[in-house]
Every structure is written in structure tokens, then in C-alpha cells.
Amino acid sequence: MKLILTTLFLSVALYVVQAKDKNLKCDNTIAPLDSSLKGKNQLPALIDTFIKANYPNAKELAWMKTHNVKNDTLVYEVHFYNNNLLITMEMTPEGLLLVKETEVPIKDVPQQLKDYAKEHKVKFAAILEYQNEKPVYMLETTYKGQSHYTIFSMDGTMVQTKKRFSLL
């Protein structure tokens, strides 16, 4: 449990660092969904309702409020486990889902990704679903101590590889 929460906290911290590289401002608020925080530190009701309605088994939820300067958009990055798989979502205060990243076991991906995983050290695999776009797979691999992110179409065709990655 402590390892999972530490990993989640480090992931959010990494996002904060990456956000500074992407012209994003963060207020560094990280809080559980059912916390006793009030006022500006409370997760908007529409997001809370969306999560409870769509993910009734959500556990270990944490969130961070972020302001995307480029698009002048306030977003909430929400992390939780659903059926033991990590889900990260970015939503507007009005409850609009902008992007969802859902962890997926390697055994459940197309054969091309399994073959790729045999040749690379895969740390994490996920399905990314951006608003108004087709979903894609993302594999995070490690090479010489550096993370690399490879995007694949849902049929397993490699689309691109990059060294830095952020949802928005």
C-alpha cells in the first residue's frame, strides 16, 4: 500500500516537473477524493459524480488542480485504481473528460506490442483516450536509465516514440 501511494505521489511530482516544461501552472494540490478539505481544495462535484458513476470500484484516489496556460484551461488530474489497474484522467471543472490513461496488462495488448515488449524493458502499458480522437496504446520503456514512450495504434502499428510525455 505504501509503495503504491509513494509511486502515485512520485508520478504526480514528475507531472508537476513536466508541467513546468509545458507552460503549465500547478497549484500542487494533491488530495484524496473523500478528504475533509473544503473550498478551493475540493474536487468539483461534477468530477466526483463522474468518477463515482463510472468507476464505483475506484480506490486510492488522488488529484491535482492544474492550469494549462497555453489553452487557458483549468484541469484536474485525477489518479485512482479501478479493478487493480491505474487510471489517470484530466477533466475540466465542468466534468468534461479531456483525456484518460488506463493501465493495461501486456498480456491484453495486440501481438505486435507483445513482440516489442520482448525486445524492450516495459515499465508501463496503457490505453490513451483523448477527446474526439481514436484511442492509442502507450508503452513506457527504459533504455540506459531513461524513460521512452512509444505510441501504437489500436491495431498495433507503431505511431511515434518520444523521450518526454504528458497527457495534455
Protein backbone atom coordinates (compact mmCIF):
# COMPACT_ATOMS: atom_id res chain seq x y z
CA MET A 1 0.00 0.00 0.00
CA LYS A 2 2.79 2.44 0.94
CA LEU A 3 4.65 1.54 -2.26
CA ILE A 4 1.57 2.24 -4.37
CA LEU A 5 0.93 5.60 -2.72
CA THR A 6 4.62 6.54 -2.98
CA THR A 7 4.60 5.63 -6.66
CA LEU A 8 1.44 7.65 -7.23
CA PHE A 9 2.90 10.66 -5.40
CA LEU A 10 6.12 10.42 -7.43
CA SER A 11 4.10 10.22 -10.65
CA VAL A 12 2.24 13.39 -9.73
CA ALA A 13 5.52 15.06 -8.75
CA LEU A 14 7.00 14.09 -12.13
CA TYR A 15 3.93 15.57 -13.81
CA VAL A 16 4.48 18.84 -11.94
CA VAL A 17 8.08 18.97 -13.18
CA GLN A 18 6.98 18.17 -16.74
CA ALA A 19 4.20 20.76 -16.47
CA LYS A 20 6.76 23.49 -15.93
CA ASP A 21 8.35 22.45 -19.25
CA LYS A 22 4.93 22.63 -20.97
CA ASN A 23 3.87 26.14 -19.85
CA LEU A 24 1.51 24.74 -17.26
CA LYS A 25 0.98 26.15 -13.80
CA CYS A 26 0.19 23.84 -10.92
CA ASP A 27 -1.07 24.76 -7.50
CA ASN A 28 0.45 21.49 -6.19
CA THR A 29 -2.83 20.47 -4.55
CA ILE A 30 -2.91 16.72 -4.06
CA ALA A 31 -5.81 15.33 -2.10
CA PRO A 32 -7.91 12.19 -1.79
CA LEU A 33 -11.45 12.32 -3.17
CA ASP A 34 -13.18 11.93 0.19
CA SER A 35 -10.86 14.23 2.12
CA SER A 36 -12.13 16.80 4.58
CA LEU A 37 -10.62 19.64 2.53
CA LYS A 38 -13.06 22.44 1.78
CA GLY A 39 -13.25 25.41 -0.56
CA LYS A 40 -10.65 25.72 -3.33
CA ASN A 41 -9.06 22.37 -2.38
CA GLN A 42 -12.21 20.37 -3.03
CA LEU A 43 -12.68 18.28 -6.16
CA PRO A 44 -15.59 19.72 -8.20
CA ALA A 45 -18.88 17.88 -7.70
CA LEU A 46 -19.28 17.05 -11.41
CA ILE A 47 -15.91 15.27 -11.45
CA ASP A 48 -16.70 13.49 -8.19
CA THR A 49 -20.07 12.38 -9.61
CA PHE A 50 -18.47 11.22 -12.89
CA ILE A 51 -15.93 9.06 -11.07
CA LYS A 52 -18.44 7.54 -8.67
CA ALA A 53 -20.89 6.80 -11.51
CA ASN A 54 -18.35 5.33 -13.94
CA TYR A 55 -15.86 3.77 -11.52
CA PRO A 56 -17.73 2.53 -8.45
CA ASN A 57 -14.69 0.39 -7.50
CA ALA A 58 -12.24 3.33 -7.56
CA LYS A 59 -9.64 3.11 -4.79
CA GLU A 60 -6.69 5.20 -3.59
CA LEU A 61 -7.85 8.31 -5.41
CA ALA A 62 -5.66 11.41 -5.51
CA TRP A 63 -5.94 14.55 -7.61
CA MET A 64 -4.14 17.72 -8.54
CA LYS A 65 -5.53 21.00 -9.90
CA THR A 66 -3.52 22.30 -12.86
CA HIS A 67 -3.82 25.37 -15.08
CA ASN A 68 -2.83 24.97 -18.73
CA VAL A 69 -1.54 28.45 -19.66
CA LYS A 70 -1.32 27.67 -23.37
CA ASN A 71 -5.05 26.90 -23.60
CA ASP A 72 -6.01 28.96 -20.53
CA THR A 73 -7.78 25.89 -19.18
CA LEU A 74 -8.13 24.74 -15.59
CA VAL A 75 -7.91 20.94 -15.41
CA TYR A 76 -7.97 18.38 -12.65
CA GLU A 77 -5.61 15.43 -12.98
CA VAL A 78 -7.18 12.52 -11.14
CA HIS A 79 -5.38 9.24 -10.34
CA PHE A 80 -7.02 6.10 -8.94
CA TYR A 81 -7.07 2.34 -9.17
CA ASN A 82 -10.08 0.57 -10.65
CA ASN A 83 -10.03 -3.24 -10.55
CA ASN A 84 -6.29 -3.02 -9.68
CA LEU A 85 -5.45 -1.00 -12.80
CA LEU A 86 -4.20 2.60 -12.59
CA ILE A 87 -6.37 5.19 -14.31
CA THR A 88 -5.34 8.81 -14.82
CA MET A 89 -7.83 11.34 -16.16
CA GLU A 90 -7.71 15.03 -16.91
CA MET A 91 -11.04 16.80 -16.63
CA THR A 92 -12.38 20.33 -16.61
CA PRO A 93 -14.22 21.60 -13.50
CA GLU A 94 -17.43 21.21 -15.53
CA GLY A 95 -16.83 17.45 -15.75
CA LEU A 96 -15.62 17.31 -19.37
CA LEU A 97 -13.19 14.41 -19.79
CA LEU A 98 -10.22 15.61 -21.88
CA VAL A 99 -8.03 12.52 -21.71
CA LYS A 100 -7.98 9.17 -19.94
CA GLU A 101 -4.99 6.87 -19.48
CA THR A 102 -5.87 3.31 -18.42
CA GLU A 103 -3.19 0.83 -17.42
CA VAL A 104 -3.37 -2.39 -19.42
CA PRO A 105 -1.53 -5.67 -18.79
CA ILE A 106 0.89 -6.66 -21.59
CA LYS A 107 -0.99 -9.95 -21.96
CA ASP A 108 -4.02 -7.93 -23.16
CA VAL A 109 -2.33 -5.94 -25.98
CA PRO A 110 -2.01 -6.87 -29.70
CA GLN A 111 0.75 -9.28 -30.68
CA GLN A 112 2.91 -6.52 -32.23
CA LEU A 113 3.12 -4.82 -28.82
CA LYS A 114 3.92 -8.12 -27.11
CA ASP A 115 6.77 -8.62 -29.60
CA TYR A 116 8.00 -5.07 -28.94
CA ALA A 117 7.81 -5.71 -25.19
CA LYS A 118 10.02 -8.81 -25.55
CA GLU A 119 12.80 -6.62 -27.01
CA HIS A 120 12.40 -3.68 -24.60
CA LYS A 121 12.12 -3.28 -20.84
CA VAL A 122 8.49 -2.20 -20.48
CA LYS A 123 7.70 -0.31 -17.26
CA PHE A 124 4.09 0.55 -18.02
CA ALA A 125 1.48 -0.03 -20.72
CA ALA A 126 -1.71 1.97 -21.12
CA ILE A 127 -4.53 2.89 -23.44
CA LEU A 128 -4.79 6.66 -24.03
CA GLU A 129 -8.17 8.11 -24.96
CA TYR A 130 -8.16 11.77 -25.96
CA GLN A 131 -11.40 13.65 -26.51
CA ASN A 132 -12.51 13.38 -30.18
CA GLU A 133 -9.57 11.11 -31.14
CA LYS A 134 -9.11 7.39 -31.62
CA PRO A 135 -7.62 5.56 -28.63
CA VAL A 136 -3.96 4.50 -28.79
CA TYR A 137 -1.61 2.31 -26.79
CA MET A 138 1.37 3.84 -24.98
CA LEU A 139 4.30 1.77 -23.75
CA GLU A 140 6.80 3.30 -21.35
CA THR A 141 10.17 1.60 -21.70
CA THR A 142 13.59 2.16 -20.17
CA TYR A 143 16.83 2.46 -22.10
CA LYS A 144 20.09 3.41 -20.38
CA GLY A 145 18.13 4.59 -17.36
CA GLN A 146 15.91 6.92 -19.41
CA SER A 147 12.19 6.53 -19.97
CA HIS A 148 10.95 6.43 -23.55
CA TYR A 149 7.31 6.48 -24.65
CA THR A 150 6.15 4.66 -27.75
CA ILE A 151 2.67 5.21 -29.15
CA PHE A 152 0.88 2.47 -31.12
CA SER A 153 -2.46 2.48 -32.92
CA MET A 154 -5.05 0.06 -31.55
CA ASP A 155 -4.12 -2.48 -34.26
CA GLY A 156 -0.51 -2.47 -33.02
CA THR A 157 1.13 -0.21 -35.63
CA MET A 158 3.88 1.99 -34.15
CA VAL A 159 2.98 5.67 -34.50
CA GLN A 160 5.79 7.53 -32.70
CA THR A 161 8.45 7.40 -29.95
CA LYS A 162 9.41 10.26 -27.67
CA LYS A 163 11.53 10.85 -24.60
CA ARG A 164 9.08 13.14 -22.79
CA PHE A 165 5.40 12.59 -22.33
CA SER A 166 2.49 14.34 -20.68
CA LEU A 167 -1.20 13.74 -21.17
CA LEU A 168 -2.03 17.30 -22.28
